[in-house]
Amino acid sequence: MQEENSQSSAPVQNGQSPDWAMRTVEKIALAGLQEQKTARRWSVLFKSLTFIYLFFLLMMFLGWVGQNKNASTAHTALIDLSGVIEAGGQVNADAVISSLNDAYDNKGTKGIILRINSPGGSPVQAGIINDEIHRQRKLHPDIPVYAVVEDICASGGYYIAVAADKIFVDKASIVGSIGVLMDGYGFTEVMKKVGVERRLLTAGANKGMLDPFSPVNPKQQAFAQTMLDQIHQQFITVVRQGRGNRLKETEETFSGLFWNGEESIKLGLADAQGSAEYVAREVIKESEIVDFTYQETVVDRFAKRLGASMAQQLGVSGKNLLPTLR
């Protein structure tokens, strides 16, 4: 009896109730569960943010975002033409036409600026772009198109620029180079010195035309020169039509020479000095600029590189035989 009293009175003497241990275990268990719930919430949050981030990167990768082409308020549309003009290159007809369509289709577009920084390139690509600009100008006579030259607007770049209503330049811009070339190399003398014999088999008397390892054929050379002269004349016609009475022709105008921006204005190759921001603000009267330049996706670049690599491996590249406005 005395033992029972001592056992029952022990907890009371220590100031603790008989079930204190159980409550302590419950508190510890609840705290552990609470920590697990908090950890799960943070885990779900981080996973969600990671998923959103990866999804956003995927959209950028596929070219679904990153291009502000949905502006509905009044603005000036900007299209950059920077680099060599060639099919599948930095500046090509498909990309520029896509940009033009987007700019014209937007109801907020009050004017279009073609910001050109190009040494030239393919007369075919430049010609397609020139034709499309003229076509769109007839369809949208209330939306002016201005070419703004940065560092250089030569050959094919100028072929495109003359389709605009006006051409603006910097005083130090390079403008002109209205001519056509077809370049290559000749290795016949080197082959003789090192004792290498060229063995070229063709079906067609002119199939090996301009082969760098064979002697120049005067008849083929004359044929190529005639073709270049014809393309040059096409270029001259386009410039005359585009510039009209503003052009002050001299013996050097179509010789392939180029001039700085200040001199190009005197010659009628350009109209005035001005940057893209100046033209938007002072000429179009809409200082807000929205970029409609076609942005090539990573997938597009990969496909082009793959195609170019395959063409090189198959030996089908004849780039050096193409006339160039450069």
C-alpha atoms as a PDB file:
ATOM      1  CA  MET A   1       0.000   0.000   0.000  1.00  0.00           C
ATOM      2  CA  GLN A   2       2.778   2.332   0.780  1.00  0.00           C
ATOM      3  CA  GLU A   3       4.487   1.400  -2.501  1.00  0.00           C
ATOM      4  CA  GLU A   4       1.372   2.283  -4.523  1.00  0.00           C
ATOM      5  CA  ASN A   5       1.103   5.665  -2.840  1.00  0.00           C
ATOM      6  CA  SER A   6       4.707   6.411  -3.578  1.00  0.00           C
ATOM      7  CA  GLN A   7       4.233   5.457  -7.257  1.00  0.00           C
ATOM      8  CA  SER A   8       1.079   7.543  -7.693  1.00  0.00           C
ATOM      9  CA  SER A   9       2.466  10.533  -5.912  1.00  0.00           C
ATOM     10  CA  ALA A  10       5.780  10.642  -7.840  1.00  0.00           C
ATOM     11  CA  PRO A  11       4.459  12.433 -10.916  1.00  0.00           C
ATOM     12  CA  VAL A  12       2.549  14.907  -8.831  1.00  0.00           C
ATOM     13  CA  GLN A  13       5.641  15.657  -6.870  1.00  0.00           C
ATOM     14  CA  ASN A  14       7.527  16.377 -10.121  1.00  0.00           C
ATOM     15  CA  GLY A  15       4.710  18.690 -11.316  1.00  0.00           C
ATOM     16  CA  GLN A  16       3.875  16.465 -14.363  1.00  0.00           C
ATOM     17  CA  SER A  17       0.630  14.696 -15.263  1.00  0.00           C
ATOM     18  CA  PRO A  18       0.673  10.941 -15.957  1.00  0.00           C
ATOM     19  CA  ASP A  19       0.236  11.333 -19.812  1.00  0.00           C
ATOM     20  CA  TRP A  20       2.964  13.915 -20.384  1.00  0.00           C
ATOM     21  CA  ALA A  21       5.119  11.516 -22.396  1.00  0.00           C
ATOM     22  CA  MET A  22       2.274  10.745 -24.817  1.00  0.00           C
ATOM     23  CA  ARG A  23       1.530  14.414 -25.436  1.00  0.00           C
ATOM     24  CA  THR A  24       5.210  15.091 -26.053  1.00  0.00           C
ATOM     25  CA  VAL A  25       5.360  12.326 -28.661  1.00  0.00           C
ATOM     26  CA  GLU A  26       2.221  13.700 -30.327  1.00  0.00           C
ATOM     27  CA  LYS A  27       3.714  17.178 -30.504  1.00  0.00           C
ATOM     28  CA  ILE A  28       6.898  15.829 -32.038  1.00  0.00           C
ATOM     29  CA  ALA A  29       4.916  13.795 -34.583  1.00  0.00           C
ATOM     30  CA  LEU A  30       2.712  16.785 -35.522  1.00  0.00           C
ATOM     31  CA  ALA A  31       5.754  18.992 -35.933  1.00  0.00           C
ATOM     32  CA  GLY A  32       7.334  16.393 -38.210  1.00  0.00           C
ATOM     33  CA  LEU A  33       4.173  16.177 -40.312  1.00  0.00           C
ATOM     34  CA  GLN A  34       4.005  19.947 -40.546  1.00  0.00           C
ATOM     35  CA  GLU A  35       7.620  20.095 -41.754  1.00  0.00           C
ATOM     36  CA  GLN A  36       6.873  17.414 -44.366  1.00  0.00           C
ATOM     37  CA  LYS A  37       3.847  19.373 -45.638  1.00  0.00           C
ATOM     38  CA  THR A  38       5.912  22.568 -45.848  1.00  0.00           C
ATOM     39  CA  ALA A  39       8.692  20.733 -47.676  1.00  0.00           C
ATOM     40  CA  ARG A  40       6.164  19.275 -50.132  1.00  0.00           C
ATOM     41  CA  ARG A  41       4.682  22.713 -50.800  1.00  0.00           C
ATOM     42  CA  TRP A  42       8.123  24.170 -51.533  1.00  0.00           C
ATOM     43  CA  SER A  43       8.946  21.177 -53.697  1.00  0.00           C
ATOM     44  CA  VAL A  44       5.762  21.613 -55.740  1.00  0.00           C
ATOM     45  CA  LEU A  45       6.443  25.344 -56.060  1.00  0.00           C
ATOM     46  CA  PHE A  46      10.020  24.866 -57.287  1.00  0.00           C
ATOM     47  CA  LYS A  47       8.949  22.123 -59.698  1.00  0.00           C
ATOM     48  CA  SER A  48       6.203  24.356 -61.086  1.00  0.00           C
ATOM     49  CA  LEU A  49       8.580  27.277 -61.550  1.00  0.00           C
ATOM     50  CA  THR A  50      11.106  25.002 -63.242  1.00  0.00           C
ATOM     51  CA  PHE A  51       8.419  23.655 -65.583  1.00  0.00           C
ATOM     52  CA  ILE A  52       7.241  27.184 -66.478  1.00  0.00           C
ATOM     53  CA  TYR A  53      10.831  28.274 -67.114  1.00  0.00           C
ATOM     54  CA  LEU A  54      11.557  25.270 -69.334  1.00  0.00           C
ATOM     55  CA  PHE A  55       8.276  25.757 -71.200  1.00  0.00           C
ATOM     56  CA  PHE A  56       9.162  29.411 -71.802  1.00  0.00           C
ATOM     57  CA  LEU A  57      12.592  28.379 -73.119  1.00  0.00           C
ATOM     58  CA  LEU A  58      10.910  25.865 -75.418  1.00  0.00           C
ATOM     59  CA  MET A  59       8.612  28.547 -76.828  1.00  0.00           C
ATOM     60  CA  MET A  60      11.616  30.801 -77.443  1.00  0.00           C
ATOM     61  CA  PHE A  61      13.435  27.869 -79.040  1.00  0.00           C
ATOM     62  CA  LEU A  62      10.534  27.304 -81.427  1.00  0.00           C
ATOM     63  CA  GLY A  63      10.120  31.021 -82.089  1.00  0.00           C
ATOM     64  CA  TRP A  64       6.664  31.322 -80.529  1.00  0.00           C
ATOM     65  CA  VAL A  65       7.579  34.228 -78.269  1.00  0.00           C
ATOM     66  CA  GLY A  66      10.092  37.050 -78.259  1.00  0.00           C
ATOM     67  CA  GLN A  67       8.753  38.906 -81.286  1.00  0.00           C
ATOM     68  CA  ASN A  68       6.585  41.923 -80.576  1.00  0.00           C
ATOM     69  CA  LYS A  69       4.284  41.783 -83.588  1.00  0.00           C
ATOM     70  CA  ASN A  70       0.935  42.273 -81.869  1.00  0.00           C
ATOM     71  CA  ALA A  71       1.123  45.961 -81.037  1.00  0.00           C
ATOM     72  CA  SER A  72      -2.265  47.516 -81.794  1.00  0.00           C
ATOM     73  CA  THR A  73      -1.436  51.114 -80.864  1.00  0.00           C
ATOM     74  CA  ALA A  74      -0.035  53.516 -83.468  1.00  0.00           C
ATOM     75  CA  HIS A  75       3.649  52.831 -84.146  1.00  0.00           C
ATOM     76  CA  THR A  76       6.457  52.767 -86.679  1.00  0.00           C
ATOM     77  CA  ALA A  77       7.319  49.287 -87.949  1.00  0.00           C
ATOM     78  CA  LEU A  78      11.008  48.424 -88.151  1.00  0.00           C
ATOM     79  CA  ILE A  79      12.528  45.704 -90.337  1.00  0.00           C
ATOM     80  CA  ASP A  80      16.266  45.092 -90.125  1.00  0.00           C
ATOM     81  CA  LEU A  81      18.172  43.926 -93.212  1.00  0.00           C
ATOM     82  CA  SER A  82      21.630  43.256 -91.833  1.00  0.00           C
ATOM     83  CA  GLY A  83      24.183  41.060 -93.567  1.00  0.00           C
ATOM     84  CA  VAL A  84      24.763  39.405 -96.912  1.00  0.00           C
ATOM     85  CA  ILE A  85      21.686  38.937 -99.107  1.00  0.00           C
ATOM     86  CA  GLU A  86      21.380  35.314-100.157  1.00  0.00           C
ATOM     87  CA  ALA A  87      18.905  32.447-100.146  1.00  0.00           C
ATOM     88  CA  GLY A  88      18.933  30.908 -96.691  1.00  0.00           C
ATOM     89  CA  GLY A  89      21.303  33.600 -95.468  1.00  0.00           C
ATOM     90  CA  GLN A  90      21.138  36.494 -93.019  1.00  0.00           C
ATOM     91  CA  VAL A  91      18.917  38.468 -95.390  1.00  0.00           C
ATOM     92  CA  ASN A  92      16.679  36.508 -97.744  1.00  0.00           C
ATOM     93  CA  ALA A  93      13.457  37.142 -99.624  1.00  0.00           C
ATOM     94  CA  ASP A  94      11.269  34.765 -97.598  1.00  0.00           C
ATOM     95  CA  ALA A  95      12.219  36.348 -94.279  1.00  0.00           C
ATOM     96  CA  VAL A  96      11.878  39.941 -95.480  1.00  0.00           C
ATOM     97  CA  ILE A  97       8.529  39.285 -97.176  1.00  0.00           C
ATOM     98  CA  SER A  98       7.242  37.634 -93.996  1.00  0.00           C
ATOM     99  CA  SER A  99       8.301  40.707 -92.019  1.00  0.00           C
ATOM    100  CA  LEU A 100       6.628  43.043 -94.521  1.00  0.00           C
ATOM    101  CA  ASN A 101       3.374  41.082 -94.371  1.00  0.00           C
ATOM    102  CA  ASP A 102       3.357  41.203 -90.575  1.00  0.00           C
ATOM    103  CA  ALA A 103       4.041  44.943 -90.566  1.00  0.00           C
ATOM    104  CA  TYR A 104       1.363  45.772 -93.131  1.00  0.00           C
ATOM    105  CA  ASP A 105      -1.230  43.477 -91.540  1.00  0.00           C
ATOM    106  CA  ASN A 106      -0.880  45.233 -88.182  1.00  0.00           C
ATOM    107  CA  LYS A 107      -3.521  47.954 -87.844  1.00  0.00           C
ATOM    108  CA  GLY A 108      -1.234  50.127 -85.730  1.00  0.00           C
ATOM    109  CA  THR A 109       1.454  50.474 -88.405  1.00  0.00           C
ATOM    110  CA  LYS A 110       1.695  54.068 -89.648  1.00  0.00           C
ATOM    111  CA  GLY A 111       4.948  53.692 -91.549  1.00  0.00           C
ATOM    112  CA  ILE A 112       7.708  51.163 -92.217  1.00  0.00           C
ATOM    113  CA  ILE A 113      11.460  51.597 -91.876  1.00  0.00           C
ATOM    114  CA  LEU A 114      13.834  49.246 -93.654  1.00  0.00           C
ATOM    115  CA  ARG A 115      17.069  49.615 -91.690  1.00  0.00           C
ATOM    116  CA  ILE A 116      19.749  48.407 -94.096  1.00  0.00           C
ATOM    117  CA  ASN A 117      23.304  47.433 -93.286  1.00  0.00           C
ATOM    118  CA  SER A 118      24.365  45.149 -96.126  1.00  0.00           C
ATOM    119  CA  PRO A 119      27.267  44.842 -98.597  1.00  0.00           C
ATOM    120  CA  GLY A 120      24.950  43.195-101.126  1.00  0.00           C
ATOM    121  CA  GLY A 121      24.549  39.658-102.377  1.00  0.00           C
ATOM    122  CA  SER A 122      22.161  37.753-104.611  1.00  0.00           C
ATOM    123  CA  PRO A 123      20.498  39.794-107.392  1.00  0.00           C
ATOM    124  CA  VAL A 124      17.629  37.299-107.364  1.00  0.00           C
ATOM    125  CA  GLN A 125      16.872  37.704-103.651  1.00  0.00           C
ATOM    126  CA  ALA A 126      17.280  41.476-103.855  1.00  0.00           C
ATOM    127  CA  GLY A 127      15.020  41.588-106.903  1.00  0.00           C
ATOM    128  CA  ILE A 128      12.265  39.578-105.215  1.00  0.00           C
ATOM    129  CA  ILE A 129      12.346  41.886-102.200  1.00  0.00           C
ATOM    130  CA  ASN A 130      12.310  44.984-104.434  1.00  0.00           C
ATOM    131  CA  ASP A 131       9.275  43.684-106.324  1.00  0.00           C
ATOM    132  CA  GLU A 132       7.434  42.860-103.098  1.00  0.00           C
ATOM    133  CA  ILE A 133       8.010  46.335-101.662  1.00  0.00           C
ATOM    134  CA  HIS A 134       6.565  47.904-104.816  1.00  0.00           C
ATOM    135  CA  ARG A 135       3.584  45.538-104.692  1.00  0.00           C
ATOM    136  CA  GLN A 136       2.857  46.320-101.047  1.00  0.00           C
ATOM    137  CA  ARG A 137       3.207  50.057-101.617  1.00  0.00           C
ATOM    138  CA  LYS A 138       0.484  49.897-104.276  1.00  0.00           C
ATOM    139  CA  LEU A 139      -1.779  47.921-101.928  1.00  0.00           C
ATOM    140  CA  HIS A 140      -1.123  50.273 -98.994  1.00  0.00           C
ATOM    141  CA  PRO A 141      -0.527  53.773-100.404  1.00  0.00           C
ATOM    142  CA  ASP A 142      -1.257  55.317 -96.991  1.00  0.00           C
ATOM    143  CA  ILE A 143       1.685  53.517 -95.321  1.00  0.00           C
ATOM    144  CA  PRO A 144       5.037  54.989 -96.421  1.00  0.00           C
ATOM    145  CA  VAL A 145       8.207  52.902 -96.608  1.00  0.00           C
ATOM    146  CA  TYR A 146      11.575  54.470 -95.855  1.00  0.00           C
ATOM    147  CA  ALA A 147      15.032  52.965 -96.186  1.00  0.00           C
ATOM    148  CA  VAL A 148      17.498  53.978 -93.475  1.00  0.00           C
ATOM    149  CA  VAL A 149      21.146  53.183 -94.174  1.00  0.00           C
ATOM    150  CA  GLU A 150      23.522  52.497 -91.312  1.00  0.00           C
ATOM    151  CA  ASP A 151      27.144  51.565 -92.145  1.00  0.00           C
ATOM    152  CA  ILE A 152      26.743  50.269 -95.689  1.00  0.00           C
ATOM    153  CA  CYS A 153      24.095  49.926 -98.374  1.00  0.00           C
ATOM    154  CA  ALA A 154      25.928  48.621-101.416  1.00  0.00           C
ATOM    155  CA  SER A 155      24.949  46.655-104.513  1.00  0.00           C
ATOM    156  CA  GLY A 156      22.113  44.292-103.533  1.00  0.00           C
ATOM    157  CA  GLY A 157      21.412  46.363-100.441  1.00  0.00           C
ATOM    158  CA  TYR A 158      20.929  49.442-102.611  1.00  0.00           C
ATOM    159  CA  TYR A 159      18.857  47.365-105.068  1.00  0.00           C
ATOM    160  CA  ILE A 160      16.394  46.928-102.190  1.00  0.00           C
ATOM    161  CA  ALA A 161      16.656  50.494-100.891  1.00  0.00           C
ATOM    162  CA  VAL A 162      15.549  52.118-104.164  1.00  0.00           C
ATOM    163  CA  ALA A 163      12.131  50.497-103.771  1.00  0.00           C
ATOM    164  CA  ALA A 164      11.413  52.722-100.749  1.00  0.00           C
ATOM    165  CA  ASP A 165       9.702  56.112-100.875  1.00  0.00           C
ATOM    166  CA  LYS A 166      12.853  57.788 -99.575  1.00  0.00           C
ATOM    167  CA  ILE A 167      16.373  56.828 -98.540  1.00  0.00           C
ATOM    168  CA  PHE A 168      17.955  58.256 -95.395  1.00  0.00           C
ATOM    169  CA  VAL A 169      21.668  57.927 -94.635  1.00  0.00           C
ATOM    170  CA  ASP A 170      24.319  58.899 -92.150  1.00  0.00           C
ATOM    171  CA  LYS A 171      26.893  61.311 -93.518  1.00  0.00           C
ATOM    172  CA  ALA A 172      29.547  58.576 -93.281  1.00  0.00           C
ATOM    173  CA  SER A 173      27.439  55.691 -94.647  1.00  0.00           C
ATOM    174  CA  ILE A 174      28.726  53.824 -97.710  1.00  0.00           C
ATOM    175  CA  VAL A 175      26.214  53.915-100.564  1.00  0.00           C
ATOM    176  CA  GLY A 176      26.249  52.703-104.161  1.00  0.00           C
ATOM    177  CA  SER A 177      28.423  50.058-105.827  1.00  0.00           C
ATOM    178  CA  ILE A 178      25.897  49.589-108.618  1.00  0.00           C
ATOM    179  CA  GLY A 179      27.531  46.717-110.456  1.00  0.00           C
ATOM    180  CA  VAL A 180      27.710  42.933-110.806  1.00  0.00           C
ATOM    181  CA  LEU A 181      30.586  40.527-110.329  1.00  0.00           C
ATOM    182  CA  MET A 182      31.382  36.855-110.680  1.00  0.00           C
ATOM    183  CA  ASP A 183      34.593  35.919-108.925  1.00  0.00           C
ATOM    184  CA  GLY A 184      36.791  32.850-108.847  1.00  0.00           C
ATOM    185  CA  TYR A 185      40.379  31.610-109.051  1.00  0.00           C
ATOM    186  CA  GLY A 186      42.610  30.024-111.664  1.00  0.00           C
ATOM    187  CA  PHE A 187      45.082  27.309-110.645  1.00  0.00           C
ATOM    188  CA  THR A 188      46.359  26.134-114.027  1.00  0.00           C
ATOM    189  CA  GLU A 189      49.896  27.567-113.652  1.00  0.00           C
ATOM    190  CA  VAL A 190      50.208  26.201-110.131  1.00  0.00           C
ATOM    191  CA  MET A 191      49.166  22.780-111.370  1.00  0.00           C
ATOM    192  CA  LYS A 192      51.855  22.894-114.048  1.00  0.00           C
ATOM    193  CA  LYS A 193      54.535  23.755-111.505  1.00  0.00           C
ATOM    194  CA  VAL A 194      53.599  20.965-109.111  1.00  0.00           C
ATOM    195  CA  GLY A 195      52.947  18.469-111.908  1.00  0.00           C
ATOM    196  CA  VAL A 196      49.222  17.947-111.377  1.00  0.00           C
ATOM    197  CA  GLU A 197      47.031  16.974-114.315  1.00  0.00           C
ATOM    198  CA  ARG A 198      43.357  17.989-114.421  1.00  0.00           C
ATOM    199  CA  ARG A 199      41.033  15.193-115.591  1.00  0.00           C
ATOM    200  CA  LEU A 200      37.566  16.620-116.106  1.00  0.00           C
ATOM    201  CA  LEU A 201      34.844  14.604-117.827  1.00  0.00           C
ATOM    202  CA  THR A 202      31.650  16.378-118.890  1.00  0.00           C
ATOM    203  CA  ALA A 203      28.517  15.654-120.881  1.00  0.00           C
ATOM    204  CA  GLY A 204      27.887  18.962-122.615  1.00  0.00           C
ATOM    205  CA  ALA A 205      30.512  21.194-124.173  1.00  0.00           C
ATOM    206  CA  ASN A 206      30.049  23.982-121.607  1.00  0.00           C
ATOM    207  CA  LYS A 207      29.328  21.953-118.488  1.00  0.00           C
ATOM    208  CA  GLY A 208      32.803  22.622-117.104  1.00  0.00           C
ATOM    209  CA  MET A 209      32.466  26.333-117.742  1.00  0.00           C
ATOM    210  CA  LEU A 210      34.693  28.533-115.537  1.00  0.00           C
ATOM    211  CA  ASP A 211      36.335  25.514-113.936  1.00  0.00           C
ATOM    212  CA  PRO A 212      39.231  26.984-111.881  1.00  0.00           C
ATOM    213  CA  PHE A 213      41.530  24.065-112.762  1.00  0.00           C
ATOM    214  CA  SER A 214      41.097  24.415-116.530  1.00  0.00           C
ATOM    215  CA  PRO A 215      42.366  27.119-118.923  1.00  0.00           C
ATOM    216  CA  VAL A 216      40.016  30.012-119.693  1.00  0.00           C
ATOM    217  CA  ASN A 217      37.794  29.397-122.693  1.00  0.00           C
ATOM    218  CA  PRO A 218      37.350  32.752-124.510  1.00  0.00           C
ATOM    219  CA  LYS A 219      33.913  31.813-125.828  1.00  0.00           C
ATOM    220  CA  GLN A 220      32.672  30.845-122.370  1.00  0.00           C
ATOM    221  CA  GLN A 221      34.218  33.949-120.850  1.00  0.00           C
ATOM    222  CA  ALA A 222      32.411  36.136-123.390  1.00  0.00           C
ATOM    223  CA  PHE A 223      29.150  34.357-122.628  1.00  0.00           C
ATOM    224  CA  ALA A 224      29.566  34.993-118.885  1.00  0.00           C
ATOM    225  CA  GLN A 225      30.393  38.653-119.522  1.00  0.00           C
ATOM    226  CA  THR A 226      27.231  39.080-121.602  1.00  0.00           C
ATOM    227  CA  MET A 227      25.173  37.618-118.779  1.00  0.00           C
ATOM    228  CA  LEU A 228      26.777  39.966-116.243  1.00  0.00           C
ATOM    229  CA  ASP A 229      26.113  42.951-118.513  1.00  0.00           C
ATOM    230  CA  GLN A 230      22.446  41.961-118.771  1.00  0.00           C
ATOM    231  CA  ILE A 231      22.062  41.702-114.994  1.00  0.00           C
ATOM    232  CA  HIS A 232      23.883  45.016-114.620  1.00  0.00           C
ATOM    233  CA  GLN A 233      21.405  46.621-117.004  1.00  0.00           C
ATOM    234  CA  GLN A 234      18.533  45.202-114.957  1.00  0.00           C
ATOM    235  CA  PHE A 235      20.094  46.783-111.879  1.00  0.00           C
ATOM    236  CA  ILE A 236      20.437  50.139-113.641  1.00  0.00           C
ATOM    237  CA  THR A 237      16.791  50.032-114.732  1.00  0.00           C
ATOM    238  CA  VAL A 238      15.628  49.331-111.180  1.00  0.00           C
ATOM    239  CA  VAL A 239      17.684  52.261-109.820  1.00  0.00           C
ATOM    240  CA  ARG A 240      16.365  54.655-112.460  1.00  0.00           C
ATOM    241  CA  GLN A 241      12.784  53.628-111.819  1.00  0.00           C
ATOM    242  CA  GLY A 242      13.182  53.860-108.073  1.00  0.00           C
ATOM    243  CA  ARG A 243      14.981  57.204-107.918  1.00  0.00           C
ATOM    244  CA  GLY A 244      13.352  58.898-110.891  1.00  0.00           C
ATOM    245  CA  ASN A 245      14.166  62.569-111.367  1.00  0.00           C
ATOM    246  CA  ARG A 246      16.063  62.665-108.073  1.00  0.00           C
ATOM    247  CA  LEU A 247      18.959  60.736-109.616  1.00  0.00           C
ATOM    248  CA  LYS A 248      21.755  62.898-111.012  1.00  0.00           C
ATOM    249  CA  GLU A 249      23.527  60.506-113.362  1.00  0.00           C
ATOM    250  CA  THR A 250      27.206  60.803-114.190  1.00  0.00           C
ATOM    251  CA  GLU A 251      29.631  58.515-115.992  1.00  0.00           C
ATOM    252  CA  GLU A 252      30.512  56.949-112.634  1.00  0.00           C
ATOM    253  CA  THR A 253      26.987  56.398-111.283  1.00  0.00           C
ATOM    254  CA  PHE A 254      26.695  52.838-112.558  1.00  0.00           C
ATOM    255  CA  SER A 255      30.388  51.994-112.666  1.00  0.00           C
ATOM    256  CA  GLY A 256      30.492  50.139-109.359  1.00  0.00           C
ATOM    257  CA  LEU A 257      31.897  53.059-107.378  1.00  0.00           C
ATOM    258  CA  PHE A 258      30.496  53.902-103.961  1.00  0.00           C
ATOM    259  CA  TRP A 259      30.226  57.148-102.017  1.00  0.00           C
ATOM    260  CA  ASN A 260      29.747  58.350 -98.476  1.00  0.00           C
ATOM    261  CA  GLY A 261      26.281  59.331 -97.339  1.00  0.00           C
ATOM    262  CA  GLU A 262      26.812  63.066 -97.707  1.00  0.00           C
ATOM    263  CA  GLU A 263      27.988  62.702-101.308  1.00  0.00           C
ATOM    264  CA  SER A 264      25.244  60.180-102.127  1.00  0.00           C
ATOM    265  CA  ILE A 265      22.625  62.836-101.322  1.00  0.00           C
ATOM    266  CA  LYS A 266      24.268  65.255-103.779  1.00  0.00           C
ATOM    267  CA  LEU A 267      24.197  62.538-106.466  1.00  0.00           C
ATOM    268  CA  GLY A 268      20.546  61.749-105.835  1.00  0.00           C
ATOM    269  CA  LEU A 269      21.296  58.241-104.618  1.00  0.00           C
ATOM    270  CA  ALA A 270      19.792  59.192-101.246  1.00  0.00           C
ATOM    271  CA  ASP A 271      17.391  61.872-100.021  1.00  0.00           C
ATOM    272  CA  ALA A 272      18.505  63.119 -96.613  1.00  0.00           C
ATOM    273  CA  GLN A 273      20.398  62.358 -93.441  1.00  0.00           C
ATOM    274  CA  GLY A 274      18.587  60.632 -90.623  1.00  0.00           C
ATOM    275  CA  SER A 275      18.572  57.615 -88.313  1.00  0.00           C
ATOM    276  CA  ALA A 276      15.710  55.187 -87.780  1.00  0.00           C
ATOM    277  CA  GLU A 277      14.681  57.045 -84.622  1.00  0.00           C
ATOM    278  CA  TYR A 278      14.742  60.368 -86.486  1.00  0.00           C
ATOM    279  CA  VAL A 279      12.581  59.068 -89.329  1.00  0.00           C
ATOM    280  CA  ALA A 280      10.074  57.526 -86.908  1.00  0.00           C
ATOM    281  CA  ARG A 281       9.847  60.684 -84.816  1.00  0.00           C
ATOM    282  CA  GLU A 282      10.100  63.457 -87.414  1.00  0.00           C
ATOM    283  CA  VAL A 283       8.939  61.921 -90.695  1.00  0.00           C
ATOM    284  CA  ILE A 284       6.398  59.221 -89.835  1.00  0.00           C
ATOM    285  CA  LYS A 285       5.426  61.110 -86.667  1.00  0.00           C
ATOM    286  CA  GLU A 286       5.206  57.933 -84.574  1.00  0.00           C
ATOM    287  CA  SER A 287       8.156  57.707 -82.216  1.00  0.00           C
ATOM    288  CA  GLU A 288       7.176  54.288 -80.858  1.00  0.00           C
ATOM    289  CA  ILE A 289       9.078  51.672 -82.868  1.00  0.00           C
ATOM    290  CA  VAL A 290       7.958  48.042 -83.056  1.00  0.00           C
ATOM    291  CA  ASP A 291      10.419  45.511 -84.469  1.00  0.00           C
ATOM    292  CA  PHE A 292       8.873  43.241 -87.113  1.00  0.00           C
ATOM    293  CA  THR A 293      12.159  41.683 -88.223  1.00  0.00           C
ATOM    294  CA  TYR A 294      11.811  37.978 -88.830  1.00  0.00           C
ATOM    295  CA  GLN A 295      13.643  36.098 -86.093  1.00  0.00           C
ATOM    296  CA  GLU A 296      15.137  32.795 -87.137  1.00  0.00           C
ATOM    297  CA  THR A 297      14.645  30.057 -84.554  1.00  0.00           C
ATOM    298  CA  VAL A 298      17.313  27.631 -83.406  1.00  0.00           C
ATOM    299  CA  VAL A 299      15.462  24.881 -85.287  1.00  0.00           C
ATOM    300  CA  ASP A 300      15.623  26.910 -88.510  1.00  0.00           C
ATOM    301  CA  ARG A 301      19.342  27.551 -88.088  1.00  0.00           C
ATOM    302  CA  PHE A 302      20.006  23.892 -87.415  1.00  0.00           C
ATOM    303  CA  ALA A 303      18.037  22.833 -90.479  1.00  0.00           C
ATOM    304  CA  LYS A 304      19.914  25.302 -92.698  1.00  0.00           C
ATOM    305  CA  ARG A 305      23.290  24.220 -91.391  1.00  0.00           C
ATOM    306  CA  LEU A 306      22.352  20.606 -91.894  1.00  0.00           C
ATOM    307  CA  GLY A 307      21.229  21.308 -95.452  1.00  0.00           C
ATOM    308  CA  ALA A 308      24.375  23.288 -96.225  1.00  0.00           C
ATOM    309  CA  SER A 309      26.551  20.540 -94.764  1.00  0.00           C
ATOM    310  CA  MET A 310      24.808  17.887 -96.848  1.00  0.00           C
ATOM    311  CA  ALA A 311      25.144  20.006 -99.992  1.00  0.00           C
ATOM    312  CA  GLN A 312      28.845  20.453 -99.318  1.00  0.00           C
ATOM    313  CA  GLN A 313      29.331  16.734 -98.766  1.00  0.00           C
ATOM    314  CA  LEU A 314      27.493  15.976-101.989  1.00  0.00           C
ATOM    315  CA  GLY A 315      29.548  18.560-103.863  1.00  0.00           C
ATOM    316  CA  VAL A 316      26.549  20.450-105.231  1.00  0.00           C
ATOM    317  CA  SER A 317      27.623  23.933-104.125  1.00  0.00           C
ATOM    318  CA  GLY A 318      28.102  26.254-107.100  1.00  0.00           C
ATOM    319  CA  LYS A 319      28.077  29.481-105.131  1.00  0.00           C
ATOM    320  CA  ASN A 320      31.146  30.962-106.827  1.00  0.00           C
ATOM    321  CA  LEU A 321      29.473  30.667-110.219  1.00  0.00           C
ATOM    322  CA  LEU A 322      26.540  32.867-109.217  1.00  0.00           C
ATOM    323  CA  PRO A 323      26.508  36.549-110.214  1.00  0.00           C
ATOM    324  CA  THR A 324      26.725  38.783-107.171  1.00  0.00           C
ATOM    325  CA  LEU A 325      25.635  42.347-106.506  1.00  0.00           C
ATOM    326  CA  ARG A 326      28.563  43.164-104.246  1.00  0.00           C
END
